[in-house]
Amino acid sequence: MIKLRKDKVRKYLTPYKRMEPVIAGSGEPGAFDEKGVDCPFVFRHNGKFYMVYTGFDSKGYQSAMAVSDDLLHWTPRGLIIPRDPEDSDRWDKIGCCVTWIIKESDNFYDTPALKKIDGKYWLVYHSYPSTGYEAGPAEIGLAWCEEETLSEWHRLDQPVFSWKDGGDWERGGLYKACIITHEDTYYLFYNAKDTQKRWIEQTGMATSKDLLHWERCEENPVLGITEGAWDGRFVSDPYVLRDGDHFVNFYFGYDNGHAQEGLAFSDDLIHWEKVAEPIITNTPGGLDEEHAHKAAICYFNGVLYHFYCATRPHREGDATEVYKAFRTIAVATDKPVAG
């Protein structure tokens, strides 16, 4: 790990946290977000900002979309990939956790915008095989959309990336995937877990020319845990961007206590060097008292917005609860933003 050098890292820091969630679960019985929300992904499309996020309803994850004019106030638009009927024989019938849509640019200073490939937008998601909270080893799939309202997504019939083809470190299942483009090649970063009872999560990488056939990096996991550190058990949920002559990965680390947001740098997308300290830490009594994790990055009009999933212990009056926690989506910025 490298020590936190302010001259190198300052531009990525977002010390100004909003005290209220930007998205929270509805708590409505039977709703997709009855228990809580998770996993934001933010972009700009046709003059507005959109957020894809995931809700949990005790059966599994489903993903929805919200819209905003200012990145601070969001209006839910509803599900984009509803759960299949119980008699479905699809591999992803329990629900889809959307984590990424392929972007026009992966540069740090470019406001995220979607890219059409052969006339289609493409998103990536993972799905668990059993009912419950992240139950069973998940696999990764793709879905596409042609129309500009982003309302109708078509899933491919089979996963495009599976733990079944991987090493021991990922045989427990796959989690968040992000896909960037570099030198006419797609790079898929993902976190995965091993099969221990108290599992370890680390981050791997694979490459593809067509989004369908992927070749794992021989040096996987490319970003592993640091034993005894704040990310000593999980190095998870990558969000990779290019910034000039290097790449940066906003990830979260976990140490059996709290999840916190971290940062790593690379020159070649294979060899990564971590910043020693987390860049978003837990706030006692705050929205992220337990966990601050699962980044979505958006730079717009000179302001860096770092969206993340924030959890704290459940309190009386909270609309939602997941395993005694209040799980919402929060945002932090690099400078104060009114609104």
Protein backbone atom coordinates (compact mmCIF):
# COMPACT_ATOMS: atom_id res chain seq x y z
CA MET A 1 0.00 0.00 0.00
CA ILE A 2 1.08 3.58 -0.58
CA LYS A 3 0.71 6.21 2.08
CA LEU A 4 -2.02 8.78 1.57
CA ARG A 5 -0.20 11.49 -0.41
CA LYS A 6 -2.45 14.52 -0.55
CA ASP A 7 -0.95 15.79 -3.79
CA LYS A 8 -1.91 12.54 -5.59
CA VAL A 9 -5.13 11.65 -3.83
CA ARG A 10 -6.77 14.99 -2.96
CA LYS A 11 -8.79 15.21 -6.18
CA TYR A 12 -10.54 11.91 -5.37
CA LEU A 13 -11.58 12.82 -1.82
CA THR A 14 -15.18 13.76 -1.04
CA PRO A 15 -15.32 14.92 2.59
CA TYR A 16 -18.72 16.65 2.38
CA LYS A 17 -21.38 14.06 3.17
CA ARG A 18 -25.09 14.65 2.76
CA MET A 19 -26.84 13.90 6.03
CA GLU A 20 -29.97 12.44 4.40
CA PRO A 21 -30.31 9.56 1.92
CA VAL A 22 -30.68 10.43 -1.75
CA ILE A 23 -32.58 7.15 -2.23
CA ALA A 24 -34.23 5.04 0.47
CA GLY A 25 -36.41 1.95 0.35
CA SER A 26 -40.18 2.31 0.35
CA GLY A 27 -40.93 -0.17 3.12
CA GLU A 28 -44.14 -1.07 1.31
CA PRO A 29 -45.08 -4.76 1.72
CA GLY A 30 -44.37 -6.65 -1.48
CA ALA A 31 -42.44 -3.80 -3.11
CA PHE A 32 -39.07 -4.53 -4.70
CA ASP A 33 -37.43 -2.14 -2.19
CA GLU A 34 -39.43 -3.21 0.85
CA LYS A 35 -36.32 -3.99 2.92
CA GLY A 36 -33.73 -1.55 1.55
CA VAL A 37 -31.74 -0.28 -1.43
CA ASP A 38 -28.21 -0.86 -2.68
CA CYS A 39 -25.64 -0.67 -5.53
CA PRO A 40 -26.01 2.74 -7.26
CA PHE A 41 -24.84 3.50 -10.80
CA VAL A 42 -25.23 7.11 -11.99
CA PHE A 43 -25.11 8.63 -15.48
CA ARG A 44 -26.45 11.50 -17.61
CA HIS A 45 -28.84 10.80 -20.47
CA ASN A 46 -30.91 13.15 -22.66
CA GLY A 47 -30.43 16.12 -20.36
CA LYS A 48 -31.20 14.40 -17.07
CA PHE A 49 -29.35 12.30 -14.51
CA TYR A 50 -30.32 8.69 -13.97
CA MET A 51 -29.50 6.23 -11.23
CA VAL A 52 -29.84 2.48 -11.56
CA TYR A 53 -30.06 0.92 -8.12
CA THR A 54 -31.11 -2.32 -6.50
CA GLY A 55 -33.84 -3.11 -4.01
CA PHE A 56 -34.22 -6.09 -1.68
CA ASP A 57 -37.59 -7.58 -0.74
CA SER A 58 -36.53 -10.71 1.25
CA LYS A 59 -36.71 -12.90 -1.88
CA GLY A 60 -33.80 -11.34 -3.77
CA TYR A 61 -32.53 -8.32 -5.63
CA GLN A 62 -34.35 -6.42 -8.38
CA SER A 63 -33.08 -3.28 -10.11
CA ALA A 64 -34.86 0.00 -10.70
CA MET A 65 -34.17 3.46 -12.07
CA ALA A 66 -34.53 6.97 -10.63
CA VAL A 67 -34.21 10.37 -12.33
CA SER A 68 -32.82 13.71 -11.15
CA ASP A 69 -32.13 17.24 -12.38
CA ASP A 70 -29.41 18.07 -9.86
CA LEU A 71 -27.86 14.77 -8.59
CA LEU A 72 -29.24 15.46 -5.10
CA HIS A 73 -33.01 15.03 -5.40
CA TRP A 74 -34.16 11.81 -7.04
CA THR A 75 -37.54 10.53 -8.22
CA PRO A 76 -37.96 6.75 -8.58
CA ARG A 77 -39.15 5.55 -12.01
CA GLY A 78 -39.72 1.89 -11.19
CA LEU A 79 -38.23 -1.47 -12.09
CA ILE A 80 -36.23 -1.96 -15.28
CA ILE A 81 -35.94 -5.77 -15.07
CA PRO A 82 -38.80 -7.32 -13.05
CA ARG A 83 -38.47 -10.74 -11.43
CA ASP A 84 -39.56 -13.73 -13.48
CA PRO A 85 -42.56 -15.85 -12.48
CA GLU A 86 -41.80 -18.67 -10.05
CA ASP A 87 -42.26 -21.31 -12.76
CA SER A 88 -39.59 -19.74 -14.96
CA ASP A 89 -36.63 -21.94 -15.84
CA ARG A 90 -34.21 -19.05 -16.41
CA TRP A 91 -30.92 -19.05 -14.53
CA ASP A 92 -31.61 -15.48 -13.29
CA LYS A 93 -35.27 -15.86 -12.30
CA ILE A 94 -34.67 -14.84 -8.65
CA GLY A 95 -33.78 -11.31 -9.74
CA CYS A 96 -31.11 -9.15 -11.39
CA CYS A 97 -28.72 -6.87 -9.54
CA VAL A 98 -27.65 -4.36 -12.20
CA THR A 99 -24.25 -2.83 -11.43
CA TRP A 100 -23.06 -1.10 -14.62
CA ILE A 101 -24.04 0.17 -18.07
CA ILE A 102 -21.24 0.51 -20.62
CA LYS A 103 -20.26 4.17 -20.92
CA GLU A 104 -19.21 6.41 -23.78
CA SER A 105 -16.11 7.42 -21.84
CA ASP A 106 -14.32 5.97 -18.82
CA ASN A 107 -12.34 9.14 -18.13
CA PHE A 108 -12.51 10.50 -14.61
CA TYR A 109 -13.52 14.04 -15.62
CA ASP A 110 -16.16 13.01 -18.17
CA THR A 111 -19.70 12.98 -16.82
CA PRO A 112 -20.90 9.37 -17.28
CA ALA A 113 -22.96 8.90 -20.45
CA LEU A 114 -24.12 5.70 -22.13
CA LYS A 115 -22.58 4.20 -25.25
CA LYS A 116 -24.45 2.35 -27.97
CA ILE A 117 -22.66 -0.67 -29.41
CA ASP A 118 -24.14 -1.83 -32.72
CA GLY A 119 -27.25 0.19 -31.93
CA LYS A 120 -27.74 -1.17 -28.39
CA TYR A 121 -27.02 -0.04 -24.84
CA TRP A 122 -25.57 -2.85 -22.70
CA LEU A 123 -25.83 -3.38 -18.95
CA VAL A 124 -24.20 -5.97 -16.73
CA TYR A 125 -25.81 -7.66 -13.73
CA HIS A 126 -25.38 -10.62 -11.44
CA SER A 127 -28.00 -13.05 -10.20
CA TYR A 128 -28.16 -15.51 -7.34
CA PRO A 129 -29.62 -19.01 -7.83
CA SER A 130 -31.70 -19.24 -4.63
CA THR A 131 -34.27 -17.18 -2.75
CA GLY A 132 -32.94 -15.04 0.09
CA TYR A 133 -30.21 -12.51 0.74
CA GLU A 134 -27.39 -13.17 -1.76
CA ALA A 135 -28.22 -16.87 -1.57
CA GLY A 136 -25.89 -19.17 -3.49
CA PRO A 137 -23.04 -18.49 -5.95
CA ALA A 138 -24.00 -15.70 -8.34
CA GLU A 139 -23.14 -15.50 -12.04
CA ILE A 140 -22.88 -12.49 -14.35
CA GLY A 141 -25.17 -11.70 -17.29
CA LEU A 142 -25.80 -8.99 -19.89
CA ALA A 143 -28.92 -7.22 -21.12
CA TRP A 144 -29.48 -4.75 -23.95
CA CYS A 145 -31.82 -1.90 -24.78
CA GLU A 146 -32.40 0.01 -28.04
CA GLU A 147 -34.92 2.68 -27.11
CA GLU A 148 -33.98 6.00 -25.49
CA THR A 149 -36.35 5.80 -22.52
CA LEU A 150 -34.18 2.94 -21.18
CA SER A 151 -37.31 1.12 -20.04
CA GLU A 152 -37.19 -2.14 -21.98
CA TRP A 153 -34.16 -4.36 -21.38
CA HIS A 154 -33.64 -7.77 -22.97
CA ARG A 155 -31.51 -10.30 -21.11
CA LEU A 156 -29.30 -12.79 -22.88
CA ASP A 157 -30.40 -16.37 -22.30
CA GLN A 158 -27.28 -17.52 -20.44
CA PRO A 159 -24.60 -16.01 -18.17
CA VAL A 160 -21.57 -14.58 -19.96
CA PHE A 161 -19.25 -15.05 -16.97
CA SER A 162 -19.37 -17.73 -14.27
CA TRP A 163 -17.57 -18.84 -11.15
CA LYS A 164 -17.65 -22.36 -12.60
CA ASP A 165 -14.75 -21.48 -14.90
CA GLY A 166 -12.71 -19.68 -12.25
CA GLY A 167 -10.10 -20.36 -9.62
CA ASP A 168 -10.52 -21.36 -6.00
CA TRP A 169 -10.61 -17.73 -4.87
CA GLU A 170 -13.89 -17.16 -6.80
CA ARG A 171 -15.66 -20.52 -6.45
CA GLY A 172 -18.08 -19.10 -3.87
CA GLY A 173 -19.70 -16.84 -6.48
CA LEU A 174 -19.39 -13.50 -8.24
CA TYR A 175 -20.54 -10.02 -7.28
CA LYS A 176 -20.38 -6.57 -8.86
CA ALA A 177 -18.96 -6.21 -12.35
CA CYS A 178 -17.86 -3.03 -14.10
CA ILE A 179 -16.81 -2.92 -17.75
CA ILE A 180 -14.47 -0.34 -19.27
CA THR A 181 -13.01 -0.07 -22.77
CA HIS A 182 -9.28 0.34 -23.36
CA GLU A 183 -7.40 -0.05 -26.65
CA ASP A 184 -10.31 -1.77 -28.42
CA THR A 185 -10.65 -4.31 -25.60
CA TYR A 186 -13.32 -4.67 -22.94
CA TYR A 187 -12.06 -5.07 -19.38
CA LEU A 188 -14.41 -6.63 -16.84
CA PHE A 189 -13.54 -6.08 -13.18
CA TYR A 190 -15.48 -8.05 -10.60
CA ASN A 191 -15.29 -9.18 -7.00
CA ALA A 192 -15.76 -12.79 -5.99
CA LYS A 193 -15.59 -14.93 -2.88
CA ASP A 194 -14.05 -18.23 -1.94
CA THR A 195 -15.91 -21.11 -0.32
CA GLN A 196 -14.79 -20.68 3.29
CA LYS A 197 -17.50 -20.24 5.91
CA ARG A 198 -16.02 -16.83 6.72
CA TRP A 199 -15.24 -16.08 3.11
CA ILE A 200 -12.75 -13.67 1.59
CA GLU A 201 -13.70 -11.38 -1.32
CA GLN A 202 -11.11 -10.13 -3.81
CA THR A 203 -11.17 -8.43 -7.20
CA GLY A 204 -10.39 -10.06 -10.53
CA MET A 205 -10.25 -8.98 -14.15
CA ALA A 206 -11.09 -10.52 -17.53
CA THR A 207 -10.87 -9.24 -21.12
CA SER A 208 -13.02 -9.63 -24.20
CA LYS A 209 -13.35 -8.37 -27.78
CA ASP A 210 -17.09 -9.03 -28.10
CA LEU A 211 -18.58 -8.88 -24.54
CA LEU A 212 -19.59 -12.55 -24.83
CA HIS A 213 -16.32 -14.46 -24.57
CA TRP A 214 -14.06 -13.56 -21.66
CA GLU A 215 -10.49 -14.52 -20.80
CA ARG A 216 -9.44 -14.27 -17.19
CA CYS A 217 -6.23 -12.48 -16.27
CA GLU A 218 -3.53 -14.97 -15.36
CA GLU A 219 -2.59 -12.81 -12.37
CA ASN A 220 -6.04 -12.91 -10.77
CA PRO A 221 -7.00 -11.73 -8.28
CA VAL A 222 -5.49 -8.47 -9.49
CA LEU A 223 -6.49 -6.64 -6.30
CA GLY A 224 -6.41 -8.74 -3.16
CA ILE A 225 -6.86 -8.26 0.55
CA THR A 226 -4.19 -6.84 2.86
CA GLU A 227 -4.14 -9.04 5.95
CA GLY A 228 -4.51 -7.12 9.18
CA ALA A 229 -5.55 -3.91 7.42
CA TRP A 230 -8.92 -2.19 7.10
CA ASP A 231 -9.51 -4.23 3.91
CA GLY A 232 -8.27 -7.48 5.41
CA ARG A 233 -11.29 -9.57 4.41
CA PHE A 234 -13.00 -7.90 1.44
CA VAL A 235 -11.66 -5.91 -1.52
CA SER A 236 -14.89 -5.51 -3.41
CA ASP A 237 -17.20 -3.67 -5.81
CA PRO A 238 -14.75 -2.07 -8.27
CA TYR A 239 -15.48 1.22 -10.04
CA VAL A 240 -12.60 1.75 -12.49
CA LEU A 241 -11.81 4.99 -14.34
CA ARG A 242 -8.95 6.39 -16.38
CA ASP A 243 -7.31 9.61 -15.24
CA GLY A 244 -4.62 10.76 -17.65
CA ASP A 245 -1.75 8.27 -17.71
CA HIS A 246 -3.10 6.01 -14.97
CA PHE A 247 -6.23 4.18 -13.84
CA VAL A 248 -8.02 4.50 -10.53
CA ASN A 249 -10.29 1.99 -8.79
CA PHE A 250 -12.82 3.11 -6.19
CA TYR A 251 -13.48 -0.06 -4.18
CA PHE A 252 -14.63 -0.96 -0.70
CA GLY A 253 -12.72 -2.80 1.97
CA TYR A 254 -14.07 -4.73 4.94
CA ASP A 255 -12.34 -6.04 8.04
CA ASN A 256 -15.06 -7.94 9.97
CA GLY A 257 -16.31 -4.65 11.43
CA HIS A 258 -17.01 -1.91 8.93
CA ALA A 259 -16.97 -1.50 5.17
CA GLN A 260 -15.24 1.68 3.96
CA GLU A 261 -14.44 3.14 0.57
CA GLY A 262 -10.89 2.80 -0.74
CA LEU A 263 -8.72 3.72 -3.69
CA ALA A 264 -6.11 1.97 -5.82
CA PHE A 265 -3.95 3.06 -8.78
CA SER A 266 -2.64 1.21 -11.82
CA ASP A 267 -0.64 1.93 -14.97
CA ASP A 268 -1.71 -1.23 -16.84
CA LEU A 269 -5.04 -2.45 -15.32
CA ILE A 270 -3.26 -5.54 -13.96
CA HIS A 271 -0.90 -4.32 -11.24
CA TRP A 272 -2.55 -2.14 -8.60
CA GLU A 273 -1.24 -0.11 -5.69
CA LYS A 274 -3.62 0.74 -2.87
CA VAL A 275 -3.89 3.92 -0.87
CA ALA A 276 -3.22 2.89 2.71
CA GLU A 277 -6.19 4.64 4.32
CA PRO A 278 -9.86 4.56 3.31
CA ILE A 279 -11.15 7.64 1.48
CA ILE A 280 -14.67 7.49 2.96
CA THR A 281 -14.87 6.32 6.56
CA ASN A 282 -17.78 5.55 8.84
CA THR A 283 -19.44 8.43 10.69
CA PRO A 284 -20.56 7.62 14.26
CA GLY A 285 -24.31 8.15 14.41
CA GLY A 286 -24.46 8.89 10.68
CA LEU A 287 -26.10 7.16 7.74
CA ASP A 288 -22.91 5.16 7.21
CA GLU A 289 -22.20 4.32 10.85
CA GLU A 290 -21.88 0.63 9.91
CA HIS A 291 -20.86 0.61 6.26
CA ALA A 292 -19.86 3.06 3.50
CA HIS A 293 -19.43 1.01 0.37
CA LYS A 294 -20.22 0.30 -3.32
CA ALA A 295 -19.16 3.46 -5.16
CA ALA A 296 -20.71 5.23 -8.14
CA ILE A 297 -18.66 8.20 -9.36
CA CYS A 298 -19.94 11.22 -11.28
CA TYR A 299 -17.98 14.38 -12.08
CA PHE A 300 -20.20 17.26 -13.23
CA ASN A 301 -19.74 21.04 -13.44
CA GLY A 302 -16.54 21.01 -11.41
CA VAL A 303 -17.94 18.86 -8.58
CA LEU A 304 -17.09 15.26 -7.79
CA TYR A 305 -20.08 13.22 -6.57
CA HIS A 306 -19.33 9.91 -4.84
CA PHE A 307 -22.53 7.89 -4.39
CA TYR A 308 -22.44 4.85 -2.15
CA CYS A 309 -24.55 2.47 -0.11
CA ALA A 310 -24.72 3.61 3.51
CA THR A 311 -25.93 1.48 6.38
CA ARG A 312 -26.46 2.11 10.08
CA PRO A 313 -28.27 0.18 12.83
CA HIS A 314 -32.03 0.16 12.42
CA ARG A 315 -33.89 2.70 14.55
CA GLU A 316 -37.51 2.95 15.54
CA GLY A 317 -39.36 4.78 12.81
CA ASP A 318 -37.13 3.67 9.94
CA ALA A 319 -39.20 2.61 6.95
CA THR A 320 -36.96 -0.33 6.02
CA GLU A 321 -34.78 -2.94 7.69
CA VAL A 322 -32.32 -5.53 6.37
CA TYR A 323 -30.87 -7.74 9.11
CA LYS A 324 -31.29 -5.01 11.75
CA ALA A 325 -29.77 -2.37 9.47
CA PHE A 326 -31.14 0.72 7.69
CA ARG A 327 -29.67 0.47 4.17
CA THR A 328 -29.86 3.52 1.90
CA ILE A 329 -27.96 5.31 -0.88
CA ALA A 330 -25.95 8.36 0.13
CA VAL A 331 -23.68 10.86 -1.59
CA ALA A 332 -20.52 12.75 -0.66
CA THR A 333 -18.94 15.60 -2.64
CA ASP A 334 -15.52 17.21 -2.90
CA LYS A 335 -16.92 20.64 -2.09
CA PRO A 336 -20.10 21.92 -0.41
CA VAL A 337 -23.15 21.76 -2.69
CA ALA A 338 -26.33 23.65 -1.83
CA GLY A 339 -29.71 22.04 -2.27
